[in-house]
C-alpha atoms as a PDB file:
ATOM      1  CA  MET A   1     -36.636 -17.440  -3.177  1.00  0.00           C
ATOM      2  CA  ARG A   2     -37.958 -15.072  -1.060  1.00  0.00           C
ATOM      3  CA  ASP A   3     -36.720 -16.054   1.787  1.00  0.00           C
ATOM      4  CA  ILE A   4     -33.333 -15.306   0.789  1.00  0.00           C
ATOM      5  CA  PHE A   5     -33.741 -11.877  -0.436  1.00  0.00           C
ATOM      6  CA  LYS A   6     -34.215 -10.800   2.874  1.00  0.00           C
ATOM      7  CA  PRO A   7     -31.828 -11.850   4.946  1.00  0.00           C
ATOM      8  CA  ALA A   8     -28.937 -11.018   2.098  1.00  0.00           C
ATOM      9  CA  PHE A   9     -30.755  -7.463   1.795  1.00  0.00           C
ATOM     10  CA  SER A  10     -30.505  -7.096   6.061  1.00  0.00           C
ATOM     11  CA  LEU A  11     -26.794  -8.431   5.800  1.00  0.00           C
ATOM     12  CA  VAL A  12     -26.152  -5.899   2.744  1.00  0.00           C
ATOM     13  CA  ILE A  13     -27.737  -2.911   4.582  1.00  0.00           C
ATOM     14  CA  ILE A  14     -25.707  -4.261   7.802  1.00  0.00           C
ATOM     15  CA  CYS A  15     -22.589  -4.419   5.861  1.00  0.00           C
ATOM     16  CA  THR A  16     -23.477  -1.105   4.317  1.00  0.00           C
ATOM     17  CA  VAL A  17     -23.905   0.685   7.569  1.00  0.00           C
ATOM     18  CA  ILE A  18     -20.895  -0.930   9.377  1.00  0.00           C
ATOM     19  CA  THR A  19     -18.446   0.285   6.587  1.00  0.00           C
ATOM     20  CA  PHE A  20     -19.908   4.142   6.686  1.00  0.00           C
ATOM     21  CA  PHE A  21     -18.889   3.753  10.567  1.00  0.00           C
ATOM     22  CA  VAL A  22     -15.596   2.716   9.698  1.00  0.00           C
ATOM     23  CA  ALA A  23     -14.771   4.712   7.181  1.00  0.00           C
ATOM     24  CA  LEU A  24     -16.234   7.489   9.299  1.00  0.00           C
ATOM     25  CA  THR A  25     -14.259   6.882  12.350  1.00  0.00           C
ATOM     26  CA  TYR A  26     -11.068   6.336  10.295  1.00  0.00           C
ATOM     27  CA  ASN A  27     -11.954   9.942   8.542  1.00  0.00           C
ATOM     28  CA  VAL A  28     -12.040  11.601  11.871  1.00  0.00           C
ATOM     29  CA  THR A  29      -9.013   9.825  13.684  1.00  0.00           C
ATOM     30  CA  LYS A  30      -6.537  10.173  10.799  1.00  0.00           C
ATOM     31  CA  ASP A  31      -5.468  13.815  11.767  1.00  0.00           C
ATOM     32  CA  GLU A  32      -4.626  12.809  15.362  1.00  0.00           C
ATOM     33  CA  ILE A  33      -3.290   9.606  14.057  1.00  0.00           C
ATOM     34  CA  ARG A  34      -0.515  11.284  12.066  1.00  0.00           C
ATOM     35  CA  HIS A  35      -0.035  14.013  14.454  1.00  0.00           C
ATOM     36  CA  GLN A  36       1.059  11.318  17.390  1.00  0.00           C
ATOM     37  CA  GLU A  37       3.219   9.796  14.651  1.00  0.00           C
ATOM     38  CA  LEU A  38       4.782  13.269  13.656  1.00  0.00           C
ATOM     39  CA  GLU A  39       5.202  13.683  17.376  1.00  0.00           C
ATOM     40  CA  LYS A  40       6.579  10.762  18.432  1.00  0.00           C
ATOM     41  CA  LEU A  41       9.420  11.097  14.561  1.00  0.00           C
ATOM     42  CA  ASN A  42       9.796  14.680  15.951  1.00  0.00           C
ATOM     43  CA  SER A  43      11.094  13.519  19.299  1.00  0.00           C
ATOM     44  CA  ALA A  44      13.194  10.534  18.007  1.00  0.00           C
ATOM     45  CA  MET A  45      14.420  12.771  15.637  1.00  0.00           C
ATOM     46  CA  SER A  46      15.640  15.143  18.360  1.00  0.00           C
ATOM     47  CA  GLU A  47      17.095  12.148  20.790  1.00  0.00           C
ATOM     48  CA  VAL A  48      19.417  10.869  18.065  1.00  0.00           C
ATOM     49  CA  LEU A  49      20.261  15.002  16.700  1.00  0.00           C
ATOM     50  CA  PRO A  50      19.859  16.581  19.872  1.00  0.00           C
ATOM     51  CA  GLU A  51      21.723  19.861  17.889  1.00  0.00           C
ATOM     52  CA  GLY A  52      19.054  19.394  15.292  1.00  0.00           C
ATOM     53  CA  LYS A  53      15.924  21.760  15.925  1.00  0.00           C
ATOM     54  CA  SER A  54      13.720  21.992  12.924  1.00  0.00           C
ATOM     55  CA  PHE A  55      13.802  19.353  10.418  1.00  0.00           C
ATOM     56  CA  ASP A  56      12.673  19.477   6.443  1.00  0.00           C
ATOM     57  CA  GLU A  57      12.005  15.550   4.671  1.00  0.00           C
ATOM     58  CA  ILE A  58      13.553  15.486   1.861  1.00  0.00           C
ATOM     59  CA  THR A  59      13.001  11.766   1.554  1.00  0.00           C
ATOM     60  CA  ASN A  60      12.291  11.772  -2.258  1.00  0.00           C
ATOM     61  CA  ASP A  61      15.796  12.871  -2.998  1.00  0.00           C
ATOM     62  CA  PHE A  62      16.608   9.397  -1.830  1.00  0.00           C
ATOM     63  CA  ASP A  63      15.684   5.590  -3.490  1.00  0.00           C
ATOM     64  CA  GLU A  64      12.838   3.931  -1.634  1.00  0.00           C
ATOM     65  CA  THR A  65      15.147   0.739  -1.385  1.00  0.00           C
ATOM     66  CA  TYR A  66      18.583   0.820  -0.617  1.00  0.00           C
ATOM     67  CA  GLY A  67      20.233  -3.245  -0.724  1.00  0.00           C
ATOM     68  CA  ASP A  68      17.149  -4.724   1.412  1.00  0.00           C
ATOM     69  CA  ILE A  69      16.387  -2.055   3.267  1.00  0.00           C
ATOM     70  CA  LYS A  70      13.619   0.284   2.782  1.00  0.00           C
ATOM     71  CA  VAL A  71      13.953   4.452   3.215  1.00  0.00           C
ATOM     72  CA  ASP A  72      11.344   5.182   5.377  1.00  0.00           C
ATOM     73  CA  GLY A  73      12.456   9.342   5.850  1.00  0.00           C
ATOM     74  CA  VAL A  74      15.202  11.023   5.571  1.00  0.00           C
ATOM     75  CA  TYR A  75      14.953  14.573   7.195  1.00  0.00           C
ATOM     76  CA  GLU A  76      17.336  17.681   7.178  1.00  0.00           C
ATOM     77  CA  SER A  77      18.737  19.902   9.820  1.00  0.00           C
ATOM     78  CA  SER A  78      21.448  22.857   9.698  1.00  0.00           C
ATOM     79  CA  LYS A  79      22.820  20.736  11.830  1.00  0.00           C
ATOM     80  CA  GLY A  80      23.044  17.219  10.409  1.00  0.00           C
ATOM     81  CA  MET A  81      20.657  14.645   8.880  1.00  0.00           C
ATOM     82  CA  VAL A  82      18.421  11.678  10.509  1.00  0.00           C
ATOM     83  CA  PHE A  83      17.021   8.335   8.660  1.00  0.00           C
ATOM     84  CA  SER A  84      14.003   6.442   9.365  1.00  0.00           C
ATOM     85  CA  ILE A  85      15.185   2.999   7.749  1.00  0.00           C
ATOM     86  CA  LEU A  86      13.209  -0.494   7.876  1.00  0.00           C
ATOM     87  CA  THR A  87      15.688  -3.166   7.921  1.00  0.00           C
ATOM     88  CA  PRO A  88      14.768  -7.064   8.233  1.00  0.00           C
ATOM     89  CA  GLY A  89      15.082  -8.563  11.564  1.00  0.00           C
ATOM     90  CA  TYR A  90      14.198 -11.836  13.348  1.00  0.00           C
ATOM     91  CA  GLY A  91      10.322 -10.661  13.720  1.00  0.00           C
ATOM     92  CA  GLY A  92       9.784  -8.412  11.025  1.00  0.00           C
ATOM     93  CA  ASP A  93      11.092  -5.491   9.749  1.00  0.00           C
ATOM     94  CA  VAL A  94      12.867  -3.052  12.420  1.00  0.00           C
ATOM     95  CA  THR A  95      12.935   0.506  12.439  1.00  0.00           C
ATOM     96  CA  VAL A  96      16.334   2.175  12.870  1.00  0.00           C
ATOM     97  CA  ILE A  97      16.411   5.622  13.218  1.00  0.00           C
ATOM     98  CA  ILE A  98      19.990   7.456  12.955  1.00  0.00           C
ATOM     99  CA  GLY A  99      21.112  10.912  13.688  1.00  0.00           C
ATOM    100  CA  ILE A 100      24.159  12.324  11.689  1.00  0.00           C
ATOM    101  CA  SER A 101      26.006  15.016  12.372  1.00  0.00           C
ATOM    102  CA  LYS A 102      27.029  17.616   9.368  1.00  0.00           C
ATOM    103  CA  ASP A 103      30.610  16.838  10.190  1.00  0.00           C
ATOM    104  CA  GLY A 104      30.070  13.012   9.214  1.00  0.00           C
ATOM    105  CA  TYR A 105      29.786  11.699  12.453  1.00  0.00           C
ATOM    106  CA  VAL A 106      27.040   8.960  14.120  1.00  0.00           C
ATOM    107  CA  LYS A 107      25.471  11.405  16.867  1.00  0.00           C
ATOM    108  CA  GLY A 108      23.010   8.327  17.784  1.00  0.00           C
ATOM    109  CA  ILE A 109      20.533   5.999  17.051  1.00  0.00           C
ATOM    110  CA  ARG A 110      17.028   4.563  18.516  1.00  0.00           C
ATOM    111  CA  LEU A 111      15.022   1.797  17.572  1.00  0.00           C
ATOM    112  CA  GLY A 112      11.951   2.793  16.731  1.00  0.00           C
ATOM    113  CA  SER A 113       8.676   0.055  16.064  1.00  0.00           C
ATOM    114  CA  ASN A 114       9.446  -3.915  15.633  1.00  0.00           C
ATOM    115  CA  ASN A 115       8.217  -7.261  16.559  1.00  0.00           C
ATOM    116  CA  GLU A 116      11.675  -8.699  18.005  1.00  0.00           C
ATOM    117  CA  THR A 117      11.502 -11.428  21.001  1.00  0.00           C
ATOM    118  CA  PRO A 118      11.146  -9.408  23.804  1.00  0.00           C
ATOM    119  CA  SER A 119      14.049 -11.178  26.201  1.00  0.00           C
ATOM    120  CA  LEU A 120      16.363 -10.832  23.621  1.00  0.00           C
ATOM    121  CA  GLY A 121      16.045  -8.948  20.800  1.00  0.00           C
ATOM    122  CA  LYS A 122      14.767  -6.029  22.069  1.00  0.00           C
ATOM    123  CA  GLN A 123      17.619  -5.592  24.035  1.00  0.00           C
ATOM    124  CA  ALA A 124      19.208  -4.264  20.876  1.00  0.00           C
ATOM    125  CA  GLU A 125      16.672  -0.942  22.097  1.00  0.00           C
ATOM    126  CA  GLU A 126      19.163  -0.661  24.885  1.00  0.00           C
ATOM    127  CA  PRO A 127      21.659   2.300  25.511  1.00  0.00           C
ATOM    128  CA  PHE A 128      24.827  -0.193  26.109  1.00  0.00           C
ATOM    129  CA  PHE A 129      23.936  -1.152  22.297  1.00  0.00           C
ATOM    130  CA  THR A 130      22.533   2.129  20.353  1.00  0.00           C
ATOM    131  CA  SER A 131      25.818   3.835  22.386  1.00  0.00           C
ATOM    132  CA  ARG A 132      28.220   1.500  20.377  1.00  0.00           C
ATOM    133  CA  PHE A 133      27.497   3.598  17.126  1.00  0.00           C
ATOM    134  CA  GLN A 134      28.159   7.157  18.437  1.00  0.00           C
ATOM    135  CA  GLY A 135      30.967   9.130  17.139  1.00  0.00           C
ATOM    136  CA  ILE A 136      31.178   6.321  14.193  1.00  0.00           C
ATOM    137  CA  ASN A 137      32.412   8.272  11.218  1.00  0.00           C
ATOM    138  CA  THR A 138      30.461   7.510   8.402  1.00  0.00           C
ATOM    139  CA  ASN A 139      33.200   6.596   6.049  1.00  0.00           C
ATOM    140  CA  SER A 140      33.885   3.557   8.984  1.00  0.00           C
ATOM    141  CA  SER A 141      32.622  -0.228   8.570  1.00  0.00           C
ATOM    142  CA  VAL A 142      30.015  -0.098  10.995  1.00  0.00           C
ATOM    143  CA  GLU A 143      30.796  -4.083  10.952  1.00  0.00           C
ATOM    144  CA  ALA A 144      33.969  -4.098  11.972  1.00  0.00           C
ATOM    145  CA  ASP A 145      33.699  -0.974  14.265  1.00  0.00           C
ATOM    146  CA  VAL A 146      30.449  -2.388  16.588  1.00  0.00           C
ATOM    147  CA  ASP A 147      30.385  -5.413  18.720  1.00  0.00           C
ATOM    148  CA  SER A 148      26.684  -7.532  18.022  1.00  0.00           C
ATOM    149  CA  ILE A 149      24.987  -8.421  21.194  1.00  0.00           C
ATOM    150  CA  SER A 150      25.560 -12.173  21.971  1.00  0.00           C
ATOM    151  CA  GLY A 151      22.656 -13.905  20.973  1.00  0.00           C
ATOM    152  CA  VAL A 152      21.103 -11.452  19.406  1.00  0.00           C
ATOM    153  CA  THR A 153      23.284 -12.051  16.367  1.00  0.00           C
ATOM    154  CA  ILE A 154      19.801 -11.262  13.387  1.00  0.00           C
ATOM    155  CA  THR A 155      19.024  -7.902  15.252  1.00  0.00           C
ATOM    156  CA  SER A 156      22.368  -6.349  15.944  1.00  0.00           C
ATOM    157  CA  THR A 157      23.735  -7.462  11.966  1.00  0.00           C
ATOM    158  CA  ALA A 158      20.234  -5.401  11.067  1.00  0.00           C
ATOM    159  CA  VAL A 159      20.556  -2.107  13.491  1.00  0.00           C
ATOM    160  CA  LYS A 160      24.320  -2.529  12.482  1.00  0.00           C
ATOM    161  CA  LYS A 161      23.298  -2.562   8.714  1.00  0.00           C
ATOM    162  CA  ALA A 162      20.612   0.166   8.702  1.00  0.00           C
ATOM    163  CA  VAL A 163      23.315   2.266  10.198  1.00  0.00           C
ATOM    164  CA  GLN A 164      25.835   1.280   7.513  1.00  0.00           C
ATOM    165  CA  SER A 165      22.884   2.041   5.051  1.00  0.00           C
ATOM    166  CA  ALA A 166      22.521   5.385   6.519  1.00  0.00           C
ATOM    167  CA  CYS A 167      26.217   6.596   6.416  1.00  0.00           C
ATOM    168  CA  ASP A 168      26.595   5.264   2.485  1.00  0.00           C
ATOM    169  CA  MET A 169      23.271   7.872   2.023  1.00  0.00           C
ATOM    170  CA  PHE A 170      25.068  10.338   4.008  1.00  0.00           C
ATOM    171  CA  ASN A 171      28.174  10.374   2.149  1.00  0.00           C
ATOM    172  CA  GLU A 172      26.355   9.977  -1.016  1.00  0.00           C
ATOM    173  CA  TYR A 173      23.991  12.679  -0.325  1.00  0.00           C
ATOM    174  CA  THR A 174      26.896  15.221   0.641  1.00  0.00           C
ATOM    175  CA  GLY A 175      29.550  14.129  -1.350  1.00  0.00           C
ATOM    176  CA  GLY A 176      31.663  12.543   1.848  1.00  0.00           C
ATOM    177  CA  ALA A 177      31.103  15.292   4.362  1.00  0.00           C
ATOM    178  CA  GLY A 178      32.484  12.635   7.004  1.00  0.00           C
ATOM    179  CA  ASN A 179      36.093  12.927   5.379  1.00  0.00           C
END
């Protein structure tokens, strides 16, 4: 019986020490990780809404889920709004960041983190596709106005659904500024 306790006690001590160091590492790095994530987000927001300078988070004013998409963040500036939306794609959730000007036009979109197929679904990140959304009025049908990429139907549809949802949320929040 004594032979069992000594190795078990050793394992408990080892696991406790390792857990302590993992927790310590997390606590030391979490602020830097959050800072880097915010820098990437600010860069993306400046890309999709170039006129916007400072953004205030207003995510709490929106439902967390909107159909089968998830609202990851909503930000407002004096020039418009930026939506960060998670939508189901072929390889899992796709993050789509959408900038909409105060007058109700999509200024730009950018795809964030995703696990889409490198040779197919990743094409949706390219400017030849993302530029198709620029200038769309929030009262328009994104599905009708934007052509999908041939062979990338699931990812294209996911991006279009995210943009349409952002347009709908923008119209609900602003009372239809795109009229």
